[in-house]
Amino acid sequence: MPFDLLGPNKAEPATVVSAAAELPKADESLASITDEKAWIEESFKIAKNDVYKSPIGLTKEPSTITQAYKDNAERIAKQRIALAGARLAKLLNDAFK
C-alpha cells in the first residue's frame, strides 16, 4: 500500500490536521513566490537533481529503489506539500485583503 503523507484516503479531519502538523515549516522566501512558472522550474530542478538519479535513471531495466532514495523522496514530498500550503495561503490572503 502506498504511503500517504496526509493520512489514509477519507481520513477524518483530525487525522489530516495531525499529519499536517508534522510537516516542516515552509521556507518563507520560497512561499512568497507567486509566479507559477517559477514553481514549475523549481519542480523540474528537483526532479532532475533528486528524483531521476541513482538508483532511478535512464535505463530500460527496472530500478531497485533503496531505503535512502525512499527517505529522500519522503523528505522532499513533505517539503513540497508544506510549501504548496504556504503558497496557497498567501494567494488566498492576498486575494481577500
Protein backbone atom coordinates (compact mmCIF):
# COMPACT_ATOMS: atom_id res chain seq x y z
CA MET A 1 0.00 0.00 0.00
CA PRO A 2 1.47 3.42 -0.94
CA PHE A 3 2.46 5.78 1.82
CA ASP A 4 0.08 8.74 2.17
CA LEU A 5 1.74 11.75 3.75
CA LEU A 6 -1.53 13.26 4.97
CA GLY A 7 -3.19 10.11 6.19
CA PRO A 8 -5.33 7.46 4.55
CA ASN A 9 -7.98 8.20 1.96
CA LYS A 10 -11.19 9.51 3.52
CA ALA A 11 -9.33 10.26 6.75
CA GLU A 12 -11.05 12.18 9.48
CA PRO A 13 -10.10 15.88 9.51
CA ALA A 14 -8.29 15.43 12.83
CA THR A 15 -6.03 12.81 11.21
CA VAL A 16 -5.14 15.16 8.38
CA VAL A 17 -4.55 18.08 10.78
CA SER A 18 -2.28 15.86 12.86
CA ALA A 19 -0.30 14.77 9.80
CA ALA A 20 -0.05 18.37 8.58
CA ALA A 21 1.35 19.44 11.95
CA GLU A 22 4.25 17.06 11.35
CA LEU A 23 5.24 18.79 8.10
CA PRO A 24 8.32 21.01 8.10
CA LYS A 25 7.87 24.78 8.14
CA ALA A 26 7.85 26.15 4.61
CA ASP A 27 10.72 28.40 3.58
CA GLU A 28 9.24 31.92 3.77
CA SER A 29 11.24 33.27 0.86
CA LEU A 30 10.02 30.44 -1.38
CA ALA A 31 6.47 30.73 -0.03
CA SER A 32 6.35 34.37 -1.13
CA ILE A 33 6.88 33.40 -4.79
CA THR A 34 3.55 33.60 -6.61
CA ASP A 35 4.82 33.06 -10.15
CA GLU A 36 3.67 29.62 -11.22
CA LYS A 37 6.42 29.48 -13.86
CA ALA A 38 8.96 29.67 -11.04
CA TRP A 39 7.12 26.83 -9.28
CA ILE A 40 7.42 24.70 -12.42
CA GLU A 41 11.14 25.46 -12.71
CA GLU A 42 11.64 24.53 -9.03
CA SER A 43 9.86 21.22 -9.51
CA PHE A 44 11.78 20.45 -12.69
CA LYS A 45 15.08 21.17 -10.95
CA ILE A 46 14.12 18.89 -8.04
CA ALA A 47 13.11 16.16 -10.48
CA LYS A 48 16.46 16.37 -12.27
CA ASN A 49 18.58 16.60 -9.12
CA ASP A 50 16.72 14.33 -6.70
CA VAL A 51 14.21 12.10 -8.47
CA TYR A 52 15.81 10.92 -11.71
CA LYS A 53 19.14 9.96 -10.21
CA SER A 54 20.61 6.74 -8.94
CA PRO A 55 19.05 4.28 -8.36
CA ILE A 56 16.48 5.67 -10.83
CA GLY A 57 17.91 6.60 -14.17
CA LEU A 58 17.62 6.48 -17.90
CA THR A 59 17.65 2.74 -18.30
CA LYS A 60 15.35 0.18 -19.79
CA GLU A 61 15.99 -2.12 -16.87
CA PRO A 62 13.83 -1.97 -13.73
CA SER A 63 15.36 0.02 -10.89
CA THR A 64 15.60 -1.12 -7.29
CA ILE A 65 14.56 1.70 -5.01
CA THR A 66 16.75 1.92 -1.93
CA GLN A 67 15.65 2.99 1.53
CA ALA A 68 17.83 6.11 1.20
CA TYR A 69 16.01 7.02 -2.01
CA LYS A 70 12.62 6.49 -0.33
CA ASP A 71 13.66 8.57 2.69
CA ASN A 72 14.83 11.41 0.44
CA ALA A 73 11.62 11.23 -1.60
CA GLU A 74 9.52 11.45 1.57
CA ARG A 75 11.56 14.43 2.83
CA ILE A 76 11.12 16.24 -0.48
CA ALA A 77 7.42 15.43 -0.65
CA LYS A 78 6.83 16.81 2.84
CA GLN A 79 8.74 19.98 2.00
CA ARG A 80 6.78 20.46 -1.22
CA ILE A 81 3.42 19.85 0.50
CA ALA A 82 4.27 22.41 3.18
CA LEU A 83 5.41 24.89 0.54
CA ALA A 84 2.26 24.36 -1.54
CA GLY A 85 0.10 25.02 1.51
CA ALA A 86 2.03 28.19 2.37
CA ARG A 87 1.76 29.43 -1.21
CA LEU A 88 -1.96 28.71 -1.32
CA ALA A 89 -2.42 30.58 1.96
CA LYS A 90 -0.53 33.57 0.55
CA LEU A 91 -2.61 33.60 -2.62
CA LEU A 92 -5.86 33.42 -0.66
CA ASN A 93 -4.75 36.05 1.87
CA ASP A 94 -3.72 38.40 -0.95
CA ALA A 95 -6.98 37.78 -2.82
CA PHE A 96 -9.18 38.56 0.19
CA LYS A 97 -7.38 41.63 1.55
